[in-house]
Amino acid sequence: MTEHEPELYWDSTYAIVVALMEHYPQRRPEAVGLEELAALVEALPGFQDDPAPAAEQFLLDILTVWYEEAT
């Protein structure tokens, strides 16, 4: 992790969305399912949380904010 990458946790919704838009600019949130979203988030530089508790609500929140920011 570089010093410029924020530490990301499941409840860091907005920071995760910013990182998704930066690292996956070609991806559209409406075309990403929850399982794929979990994998994308876990692969982000700076992701520090345990991948196991990827609660559906966290994923839905991330997807909602990503859609709002992308449109």
Protein backbone atom coordinates (compact mmCIF):
# COMPACT_ATOMS: atom_id res chain seq x y z
CA MET A 1 0.00 0.00 0.00
CA THR A 2 1.37 3.41 -0.88
CA GLU A 3 1.06 6.36 1.44
CA HIS A 4 -1.49 7.84 -0.98
CA GLU A 5 -3.88 4.90 -0.75
CA PRO A 6 -6.43 5.21 2.05
CA GLU A 7 -7.07 2.25 4.30
CA LEU A 8 -10.39 0.81 3.20
CA TYR A 9 -12.88 -1.10 5.32
CA TRP A 10 -16.35 -2.39 4.43
CA ASP A 11 -17.98 0.62 6.08
CA SER A 12 -15.78 3.10 4.13
CA THR A 13 -18.49 3.35 1.49
CA TYR A 14 -17.57 6.64 -0.18
CA ALA A 15 -13.81 5.97 -0.12
CA ILE A 16 -14.42 2.55 -1.67
CA VAL A 17 -16.57 4.11 -4.40
CA VAL A 18 -13.87 6.67 -5.21
CA ALA A 19 -11.29 3.88 -5.39
CA LEU A 20 -13.56 1.74 -7.61
CA MET A 21 -14.06 4.64 -10.01
CA GLU A 22 -10.32 5.29 -10.08
CA HIS A 23 -9.17 1.68 -10.47
CA TYR A 24 -12.02 0.38 -12.66
CA PRO A 25 -13.05 3.39 -14.79
CA GLN A 26 -14.44 1.13 -17.51
CA ARG A 27 -16.81 -0.64 -15.10
CA ARG A 28 -20.42 0.48 -14.74
CA PRO A 29 -22.08 -0.16 -11.38
CA GLU A 30 -25.35 -1.32 -12.94
CA ALA A 31 -23.44 -4.16 -14.64
CA VAL A 32 -21.74 -5.45 -11.46
CA GLY A 33 -23.34 -8.11 -9.28
CA LEU A 34 -22.82 -8.31 -5.52
CA GLU A 35 -20.40 -11.24 -5.66
CA GLU A 36 -18.29 -9.52 -8.31
CA LEU A 37 -18.45 -6.25 -6.36
CA ALA A 38 -17.08 -7.99 -3.27
CA ALA A 39 -14.15 -9.32 -5.33
CA LEU A 40 -13.47 -5.88 -6.86
CA VAL A 41 -13.48 -4.21 -3.43
CA GLU A 42 -11.24 -6.86 -1.89
CA ALA A 43 -8.73 -6.37 -4.75
CA LEU A 44 -8.46 -2.61 -4.20
CA PRO A 45 -5.12 -1.30 -2.95
CA GLY A 46 -5.57 -0.33 0.65
CA PHE A 47 -8.39 -2.75 1.42
CA GLN A 48 -7.65 -3.81 5.01
CA ASP A 49 -10.84 -5.48 6.20
CA ASP A 50 -11.63 -9.15 6.60
CA PRO A 51 -13.23 -10.32 3.34
CA ALA A 52 -15.50 -12.75 5.20
CA PRO A 53 -18.02 -10.24 6.59
CA ALA A 54 -18.92 -8.75 3.22
CA ALA A 55 -22.44 -8.18 4.42
CA GLU A 56 -24.99 -7.73 1.68
CA GLN A 57 -25.98 -4.35 3.14
CA PHE A 58 -22.41 -3.03 2.81
CA LEU A 59 -22.33 -4.18 -0.81
CA LEU A 60 -25.73 -2.65 -1.57
CA ASP A 61 -24.67 0.64 0.00
CA ILE A 62 -21.46 0.68 -2.05
CA LEU A 63 -23.35 -0.14 -5.24
CA THR A 64 -25.94 2.59 -4.58
CA VAL A 65 -23.34 5.29 -3.94
CA TRP A 66 -21.26 4.14 -6.94
CA TYR A 67 -24.33 4.38 -9.18
CA GLU A 68 -25.17 7.84 -7.82
CA GLU A 69 -21.61 9.07 -8.37
CA ALA A 70 -21.32 7.56 -11.85
CA THR A 71 -24.56 9.05 -13.19
